[in-house]
Amino acid sequence: MLLACVGTSLVLGEVLPDDRADVLYHSYDGGGISIQGPSILVRKKFGDSFAATYNHYVDMISGASIDVVTQASAYKEERKQDSLGFEFLHGKSTYSGGYIRSIENDYNARTAYFNASQQMFGDLTTVSMGFTRGWDVVGNSQNPLFKQDVDRRDWQVGLSQVLTRNLLLGANFEVTESEGYLNNPYRSVRYVDATSAKGYSYEPEKYPHTHTGNAASVQLKYYLPWRAALDGTYRFYSDTWDIHAHTFRLGYTQPWHSWTFDGRVRYYRQNAADFYSDLYPYQNSQNFLARDRELAQFHSVTLGAGASWEFKPGWAHWISKGTLNISYDRLHIDYDDYRDVRDTACEPACLGAEPLYVLDANVLQAYVSIWY
């Protein structure tokens, strides 16, 4: 998970955020995979113009996804990520940058990023741009000599505009490029094999060595008369692998005394990559091969809700305020051309007509924030 996200914020005013510390616990459970772990973030201002942020994030992963169940054994691994960022405020301009290092037993990632934003037209308009550069090394826990490089580049531009007293507009455009070893060294594709008792066999997947994507999004946020806010987002994505995706999101935020409640719904749909197939007609049937369900055609719905309680402990005078926060999302994915081959009762008669795979997941975040 890359935590260096660059985009247009609908927050007005070129003022650096106050000193803050967060302690977070996150959990994901779905598709046979369990991911959980802590995260600690500390932010400190130095004067009115400079701030630094440090984040330590841990993923403890265990289980067996449908790919692992059908082709390998269950696994456990741990990913640790550390990041250091800075922000510098000069007049109406804000500059930020940082470095992220992520380490796990078979994948190491280094990422550097830089962003700049400028307010203009009486602070009603904010223009931003950013660049992210990544250097990854793909390994294989079963082969210590296996090392492959991946280079990543990401460009972003954004616009935030006050349309009326209660209505804000945000727009973003992003270009991503990846080059190198882009597939998974553990994953295979299946092809029709009359000599196999199952009716099919496996061969290693093979991806192109380059991948370019473009994404454009627009967000509207409307402040309602009863101290609430309604926001909506649409995002369109396309890439050189012929994937086209649409994302719709609608959210609602409602303060109530010391509490803030929010709800959200997200719908996502994409078509399959042009070289993807759930079942190939024969071995080495084309130059590029993929049976990654993330490259399949599918649609998903996510329903989420959250609550935040603000408090000020009287016994700790150095704390200006704090919040207790909890967020829960329920994710449901229907795959249109990725089949569940775990039921072997009908093989090989039902070859290519197995039930379509469905994934349900629960995502939970709970954290405490302290301003000091």
Protein backbone atom coordinates (compact mmCIF):
# COMPACT_ATOMS: atom_id res chain seq x y z
CA MET A 1 0.00 0.00 0.00
CA LEU A 2 1.52 3.28 -1.08
CA LEU A 3 0.82 5.99 1.48
CA ALA A 4 2.17 8.87 -0.59
CA CYS A 5 -1.02 10.00 -2.25
CA VAL A 6 -1.09 13.25 -4.17
CA GLY A 7 -4.32 14.96 -5.10
CA THR A 8 -6.42 18.05 -4.86
CA SER A 9 -7.71 18.84 -1.41
CA LEU A 10 -10.94 20.68 -0.82
CA VAL A 11 -9.52 22.22 2.34
CA LEU A 12 -9.08 25.99 2.07
CA GLY A 13 -6.30 28.13 3.43
CA GLU A 14 -2.53 27.78 3.16
CA VAL A 15 -1.88 26.93 6.81
CA LEU A 16 0.21 24.00 7.97
CA PRO A 17 -1.69 21.50 10.15
CA ASP A 18 -1.01 21.50 13.89
CA ASP A 19 1.27 19.07 15.72
CA ARG A 20 -0.37 15.66 15.88
CA ALA A 21 0.20 12.02 16.77
CA ASP A 22 -1.90 9.06 15.57
CA VAL A 23 -1.97 5.45 16.74
CA LEU A 24 -3.95 3.20 14.38
CA TYR A 25 -5.01 -0.43 14.12
CA HIS A 26 -6.20 -1.72 10.74
CA SER A 27 -7.76 -5.03 9.74
CA TYR A 28 -8.78 -6.63 6.44
CA ASP A 29 -10.52 -10.00 6.27
CA GLY A 30 -11.79 -11.39 2.97
CA GLY A 31 -11.07 -13.79 0.12
CA GLY A 32 -9.16 -16.12 2.43
CA ILE A 33 -6.68 -13.39 3.38
CA SER A 34 -6.26 -11.70 6.75
CA ILE A 35 -4.24 -8.46 7.00
CA GLN A 36 -3.80 -6.56 10.24
CA GLY A 37 -1.33 -4.41 12.05
CA PRO A 38 -0.54 -1.11 13.73
CA SER A 39 0.48 2.28 12.40
CA ILE A 40 2.06 5.21 14.24
CA LEU A 41 2.27 8.74 12.84
CA VAL A 42 3.93 11.77 14.40
CA ARG A 43 3.75 15.26 12.94
CA LYS A 44 5.71 18.29 14.21
CA LYS A 45 5.81 21.90 13.09
CA PHE A 46 8.97 23.99 13.32
CA GLY A 47 7.80 27.58 13.29
CA ASP A 48 4.94 28.60 11.00
CA SER A 49 6.54 27.52 7.73
CA PHE A 50 8.01 24.06 8.13
CA ALA A 51 6.63 20.70 9.29
CA ALA A 52 7.91 17.12 9.31
CA THR A 53 5.99 13.84 9.50
CA TYR A 54 7.13 10.30 10.32
CA ASN A 55 4.97 7.20 9.83
CA HIS A 56 5.59 3.54 10.72
CA TYR A 57 3.13 1.04 9.24
CA VAL A 58 2.98 -2.75 9.60
CA ASP A 59 0.98 -5.35 7.66
CA MET A 60 0.84 -8.88 9.05
CA ILE A 61 -0.56 -11.06 6.27
CA SER A 62 -1.76 -14.64 6.59
CA GLY A 63 -4.12 -17.06 4.88
CA ALA A 64 -4.61 -18.42 1.41
CA SER A 65 -6.36 -16.57 -1.40
CA ILE A 66 -8.08 -18.48 -4.18
CA ASP A 67 -4.85 -18.28 -6.24
CA VAL A 68 -2.85 -19.85 -3.41
CA VAL A 69 -5.43 -22.53 -2.62
CA THR A 70 -5.46 -23.78 -6.21
CA GLN A 71 -1.72 -23.49 -6.92
CA ALA A 72 0.29 -23.38 -3.66
CA SER A 73 0.10 -23.57 0.13
CA ALA A 74 -1.01 -21.03 2.72
CA TYR A 75 1.56 -18.46 3.81
CA LYS A 76 2.41 -15.85 6.43
CA GLU A 77 4.48 -12.75 5.93
CA GLU A 78 5.04 -9.28 7.34
CA ARG A 79 5.49 -5.98 5.58
CA LYS A 80 7.01 -2.95 7.30
CA GLN A 81 6.82 0.54 5.88
CA ASP A 82 8.52 3.69 7.11
CA SER A 83 8.08 7.14 5.64
CA LEU A 84 9.46 10.61 6.32
CA GLY A 85 7.84 13.69 4.83
CA PHE A 86 8.17 17.44 4.98
CA GLU A 87 6.09 20.52 4.17
CA PHE A 88 7.28 24.07 3.56
CA LEU A 89 4.92 27.07 3.41
CA HIS A 90 6.03 30.19 1.55
CA GLY A 91 3.37 32.85 1.07
CA LYS A 92 0.53 31.31 -0.93
CA SER A 93 2.63 28.30 -1.94
CA THR A 94 3.08 24.98 -0.17
CA TYR A 95 5.83 22.51 -1.05
CA SER A 96 5.94 18.95 0.27
CA GLY A 97 8.01 15.88 -0.33
CA GLY A 98 9.19 12.70 1.27
CA TYR A 99 10.66 9.23 1.10
CA ILE A 100 8.99 5.85 1.75
CA ARG A 101 10.66 2.48 2.29
CA SER A 102 8.66 -0.76 2.33
CA ILE A 103 10.25 -4.13 3.11
CA GLU A 104 8.89 -7.68 3.02
CA ASN A 105 10.49 -11.05 2.45
CA ASP A 106 10.04 -11.03 -1.34
CA TYR A 107 9.35 -7.40 -2.29
CA ASN A 108 11.22 -4.19 -1.48
CA ALA A 109 9.98 -0.77 -2.53
CA ARG A 110 11.52 2.70 -2.35
CA THR A 111 9.46 5.77 -3.23
CA ALA A 112 10.24 9.48 -3.35
CA TYR A 113 7.65 12.18 -4.00
CA PHE A 114 7.39 15.96 -4.36
CA ASN A 115 4.27 18.15 -4.51
CA ALA A 116 3.59 21.85 -4.88
CA SER A 117 0.38 23.88 -4.56
CA GLN A 118 -0.43 27.55 -5.14
CA GLN A 119 -3.42 29.60 -4.02
CA MET A 120 -4.66 32.42 -6.25
CA PHE A 121 -7.63 34.64 -7.09
CA GLY A 122 -8.32 35.67 -3.52
CA ASP A 123 -7.68 32.15 -2.18
CA LEU A 124 -10.69 30.84 -4.13
CA THR A 125 -8.54 28.71 -6.44
CA THR A 126 -5.76 26.25 -5.58
CA VAL A 127 -3.61 24.64 -8.26
CA SER A 128 -1.42 21.65 -7.38
CA MET A 129 1.04 19.35 -9.10
CA GLY A 130 3.20 16.47 -8.03
CA PHE A 131 5.64 13.78 -9.09
CA THR A 132 6.31 10.35 -7.56
CA ARG A 133 9.22 8.06 -8.40
CA GLY A 134 9.49 4.45 -7.29
CA TRP A 135 12.20 1.79 -7.39
CA ASP A 136 11.01 -1.75 -6.55
CA VAL A 137 12.78 -5.10 -6.39
CA VAL A 138 10.66 -8.23 -6.88
CA GLY A 139 11.93 -11.39 -5.21
CA ASN A 140 10.83 -14.99 -4.80
CA SER A 141 10.86 -16.69 -1.40
CA GLN A 142 11.35 -20.05 -3.13
CA ASN A 143 14.37 -18.87 -5.13
CA PRO A 144 16.86 -16.56 -3.32
CA LEU A 145 18.61 -15.79 -6.62
CA PHE A 146 15.47 -14.37 -8.24
CA LYS A 147 15.64 -10.54 -8.39
CA GLN A 148 13.74 -8.35 -10.84
CA ASP A 149 13.43 -4.55 -10.97
CA VAL A 150 10.36 -2.37 -11.40
CA ASP A 151 10.54 1.38 -12.07
CA ARG A 152 7.47 3.51 -11.34
CA ARG A 153 6.67 7.13 -12.23
CA ASP A 154 3.55 9.10 -11.42
CA TRP A 155 2.55 12.65 -12.43
CA GLN A 156 -0.44 14.53 -10.96
CA VAL A 157 -2.11 17.89 -11.50
CA GLY A 158 -5.12 19.19 -9.61
CA LEU A 159 -7.49 22.11 -9.18
CA SER A 160 -9.60 23.12 -6.18
CA GLN A 161 -12.19 25.85 -6.79
CA VAL A 162 -14.74 27.61 -4.58
CA LEU A 163 -17.87 27.80 -6.74
CA THR A 164 -20.29 29.27 -4.20
CA ARG A 165 -20.33 29.86 -0.46
CA ASN A 166 -21.38 26.24 0.11
CA LEU A 167 -20.09 24.43 -2.97
CA LEU A 168 -16.51 23.33 -3.67
CA LEU A 169 -15.09 21.66 -6.78
CA GLY A 170 -12.02 19.47 -7.04
CA ALA A 171 -10.54 18.05 -10.25
CA ASN A 172 -7.49 15.83 -10.76
CA PHE A 173 -5.59 14.22 -13.60
CA GLU A 174 -2.93 11.55 -13.10
CA VAL A 175 -0.55 9.62 -15.36
CA THR A 176 1.22 6.48 -14.09
CA GLU A 177 4.03 4.54 -15.76
CA SER A 178 5.59 1.23 -14.75
CA GLU A 179 8.45 -0.63 -16.41
CA GLY A 180 10.10 -3.91 -15.55
CA TYR A 181 8.88 -7.18 -14.05
CA LEU A 182 5.17 -6.43 -13.60
CA ASN A 183 3.70 -9.89 -13.01
CA ASN A 184 3.72 -12.17 -9.96
CA PRO A 185 6.45 -14.84 -9.77
CA TYR A 186 4.08 -17.22 -7.93
CA ARG A 187 0.99 -16.92 -10.13
CA SER A 188 0.17 -19.18 -13.10
CA VAL A 189 -2.49 -19.30 -15.79
CA ARG A 190 -4.47 -22.34 -16.84
CA TYR A 191 -4.91 -23.77 -20.33
CA VAL A 192 -6.90 -26.64 -21.85
CA ASP A 193 -4.97 -29.91 -21.60
CA ALA A 194 -6.70 -33.10 -22.71
CA THR A 195 -3.96 -35.21 -21.10
CA SER A 196 -4.78 -33.87 -17.61
CA ALA A 197 -7.45 -35.50 -15.45
CA LYS A 198 -8.80 -32.04 -14.59
CA GLY A 199 -8.96 -31.05 -18.26
CA TYR A 200 -6.44 -28.23 -17.80
CA SER A 201 -2.88 -27.55 -16.68
CA TYR A 202 -0.93 -24.51 -15.49
CA GLU A 203 1.91 -22.44 -16.96
CA PRO A 204 3.62 -19.28 -15.59
CA GLU A 205 1.93 -15.97 -16.31
CA LYS A 206 3.70 -13.46 -18.54
CA TYR A 207 3.02 -9.70 -18.60
CA PRO A 208 4.23 -6.88 -20.85
CA HIS A 209 7.22 -5.02 -19.43
CA THR A 210 5.56 -1.60 -19.66
CA HIS A 211 2.27 -0.25 -18.35
CA THR A 212 0.85 3.27 -18.62
CA GLY A 213 -2.40 4.46 -17.05
CA ASN A 214 -4.40 7.69 -17.06
CA ALA A 215 -7.00 8.73 -14.50
CA ALA A 216 -9.25 11.79 -14.33
CA SER A 217 -11.57 12.57 -11.43
CA VAL A 218 -13.96 15.29 -10.32
CA GLN A 219 -15.33 15.88 -6.81
CA LEU A 220 -18.11 18.14 -5.56
CA LYS A 221 -18.64 18.95 -1.90
CA TYR A 222 -21.74 20.79 -0.72
CA TYR A 223 -22.20 22.14 2.79
CA LEU A 224 -25.79 21.73 3.93
CA PRO A 225 -27.64 24.28 6.11
CA TRP A 226 -27.78 21.91 9.13
CA ARG A 227 -23.97 21.73 9.55
CA ALA A 228 -23.65 18.65 7.39
CA ALA A 229 -21.84 18.00 4.12
CA LEU A 230 -22.57 15.92 1.05
CA ASP A 231 -19.80 14.92 -1.38
CA GLY A 232 -19.71 13.02 -4.64
CA THR A 233 -16.82 11.79 -6.80
CA TYR A 234 -16.50 10.32 -10.27
CA ARG A 235 -13.24 8.84 -11.59
CA PHE A 236 -12.41 7.42 -15.02
CA TYR A 237 -9.34 5.26 -15.62
CA SER A 238 -7.81 3.78 -18.79
CA ASP A 239 -4.48 2.14 -19.56
CA THR A 240 -2.34 0.56 -22.26
CA TRP A 241 -3.58 -2.90 -21.27
CA ASP A 242 -7.03 -1.85 -22.50
CA ILE A 243 -8.58 -1.64 -19.03
CA HIS A 244 -11.28 0.99 -18.62
CA ALA A 245 -12.72 1.61 -15.17
CA HIS A 246 -15.42 3.82 -13.67
CA THR A 247 -15.70 4.76 -9.99
CA PHE A 248 -18.66 6.50 -8.36
CA ARG A 249 -18.63 7.55 -4.71
CA LEU A 250 -21.20 9.35 -2.56
CA GLY A 251 -20.56 10.42 1.03
CA TYR A 252 -22.38 12.21 3.83
CA THR A 253 -20.90 13.80 6.98
CA GLN A 254 -22.94 14.90 10.01
CA PRO A 255 -21.52 16.58 13.15
CA TRP A 256 -23.48 16.15 16.39
CA HIS A 257 -22.17 17.75 19.59
CA SER A 258 -18.71 16.22 20.13
CA TRP A 259 -19.31 13.53 17.52
CA THR A 260 -18.92 13.42 13.75
CA PHE A 261 -20.60 10.64 11.80
CA ASP A 262 -20.10 9.75 8.15
CA GLY A 263 -21.47 7.24 5.68
CA ARG A 264 -20.38 6.36 2.15
CA VAL A 265 -21.13 4.14 -0.79
CA ARG A 266 -18.73 3.34 -3.63
CA TYR A 267 -19.37 1.56 -6.92
CA TYR A 268 -16.53 0.39 -9.19
CA ARG A 269 -16.56 -1.40 -12.53
CA GLN A 270 -13.82 -2.39 -15.00
CA ASN A 271 -13.38 -4.54 -18.08
CA ALA A 272 -10.63 -7.13 -18.45
CA ALA A 273 -7.11 -6.53 -19.75
CA ASP A 274 -6.71 -7.42 -23.42
CA PHE A 275 -4.37 -10.36 -22.69
CA TYR A 276 -6.35 -11.74 -19.72
CA SER A 277 -8.19 -15.06 -19.86
CA ASP A 278 -9.63 -17.40 -17.26
CA LEU A 279 -8.83 -20.40 -19.51
CA TYR A 280 -6.49 -20.36 -22.53
CA PRO A 281 -7.16 -22.76 -25.44
CA TYR A 282 -3.67 -24.29 -25.34
CA GLN A 283 -0.20 -23.79 -23.86
CA ASN A 284 1.66 -20.62 -24.95
CA SER A 285 -1.38 -19.58 -26.96
CA GLN A 286 -0.30 -15.91 -27.00
CA ASN A 287 2.66 -13.68 -26.14
CA PHE A 288 1.25 -12.36 -22.86
CA LEU A 289 -0.73 -14.41 -20.34
CA ALA A 290 -2.59 -13.38 -17.19
CA ARG A 291 -5.11 -14.93 -14.85
CA ASP A 292 -4.87 -12.31 -12.12
CA ARG A 293 -8.40 -11.54 -10.93
CA GLU A 294 -7.42 -7.86 -10.59
CA LEU A 295 -7.11 -7.82 -14.40
CA ALA A 296 -10.45 -9.58 -14.94
CA GLN A 297 -13.79 -7.94 -15.61
CA PHE A 298 -15.62 -7.27 -12.35
CA HIS A 299 -17.73 -4.80 -10.42
CA SER A 300 -17.72 -4.01 -6.72
CA VAL A 301 -19.85 -2.21 -4.14
CA THR A 302 -18.45 -0.86 -0.88
CA LEU A 303 -20.62 0.39 1.98
CA GLY A 304 -18.91 2.21 4.81
CA ALA A 305 -19.58 4.14 7.98
CA GLY A 306 -17.46 5.93 10.54
CA ALA A 307 -17.62 7.89 13.76
CA SER A 308 -15.25 10.30 15.48
CA TRP A 309 -15.46 11.60 19.06
CA GLU A 310 -13.54 14.73 20.03
CA PHE A 311 -12.32 15.13 23.61
CA LYS A 312 -9.97 17.26 25.70
CA PRO A 313 -8.43 15.55 28.73
CA GLY A 314 -8.20 17.93 31.67
CA TRP A 315 -5.34 15.98 33.25
CA ALA A 316 -3.01 16.49 30.24
CA HIS A 317 -2.51 20.21 29.70
CA TRP A 318 -0.07 19.59 26.85
CA ILE A 319 -2.88 18.04 24.77
CA SER A 320 -4.97 20.67 22.96
CA LYS A 321 -7.53 18.06 21.85
CA GLY A 322 -7.92 14.45 20.81
CA THR A 323 -10.23 12.23 18.78
CA LEU A 324 -11.26 8.59 18.94
CA ASN A 325 -12.07 7.29 15.46
CA ILE A 326 -13.51 4.10 14.04
CA SER A 327 -14.30 3.21 10.42
CA TYR A 328 -15.84 0.08 8.90
CA ASP A 329 -16.29 -0.89 5.25
CA ARG A 330 -18.04 -3.90 3.73
CA LEU A 331 -16.68 -4.82 0.29
CA HIS A 332 -18.47 -7.07 -2.21
CA ILE A 333 -16.92 -8.01 -5.58
CA ASP A 334 -18.59 -9.97 -8.38
CA TYR A 335 -16.23 -11.30 -11.05
CA ASP A 336 -17.66 -11.66 -14.55
CA ASP A 337 -14.96 -13.87 -16.09
CA TYR A 338 -12.87 -15.28 -13.23
CA ARG A 339 -14.04 -18.73 -12.19
CA ASP A 340 -13.79 -20.55 -8.88
CA VAL A 341 -11.93 -23.80 -9.60
CA ARG A 342 -11.82 -25.01 -5.99
CA ASP A 343 -14.86 -27.28 -6.51
CA THR A 344 -13.38 -30.26 -8.35
CA ALA A 345 -16.48 -32.48 -8.22
CA CYS A 346 -17.51 -31.84 -11.82
CA GLU A 347 -14.07 -31.87 -13.46
CA PRO A 348 -13.45 -32.11 -16.33
CA ALA A 349 -17.09 -31.94 -17.53
CA CYS A 350 -17.61 -28.34 -16.36
CA LEU A 351 -14.31 -27.02 -17.74
CA GLY A 352 -14.69 -23.31 -18.43
CA ALA A 353 -18.15 -23.25 -16.82
CA GLU A 354 -17.20 -23.34 -13.13
CA PRO A 355 -19.03 -20.94 -10.79
CA LEU A 356 -17.90 -17.32 -11.02
CA TYR A 357 -15.81 -16.15 -8.08
CA VAL A 358 -17.33 -13.79 -5.48
CA LEU A 359 -15.31 -11.98 -2.81
CA ASP A 360 -16.64 -10.41 0.40
CA ALA A 361 -14.34 -8.54 2.77
CA ASN A 362 -14.52 -6.57 6.00
CA VAL A 363 -12.20 -3.58 6.48
CA LEU A 364 -11.83 -2.02 9.93
CA GLN A 365 -9.76 0.94 11.13
CA ALA A 366 -9.63 2.26 14.68
CA TYR A 367 -7.27 5.01 15.77
CA VAL A 368 -6.59 7.74 18.30
CA SER A 369 -5.37 11.21 17.25
CA ILE A 370 -3.75 13.65 19.65
CA TRP A 371 -3.07 17.32 18.87
CA TYR A 372 -0.37 18.87 21.07
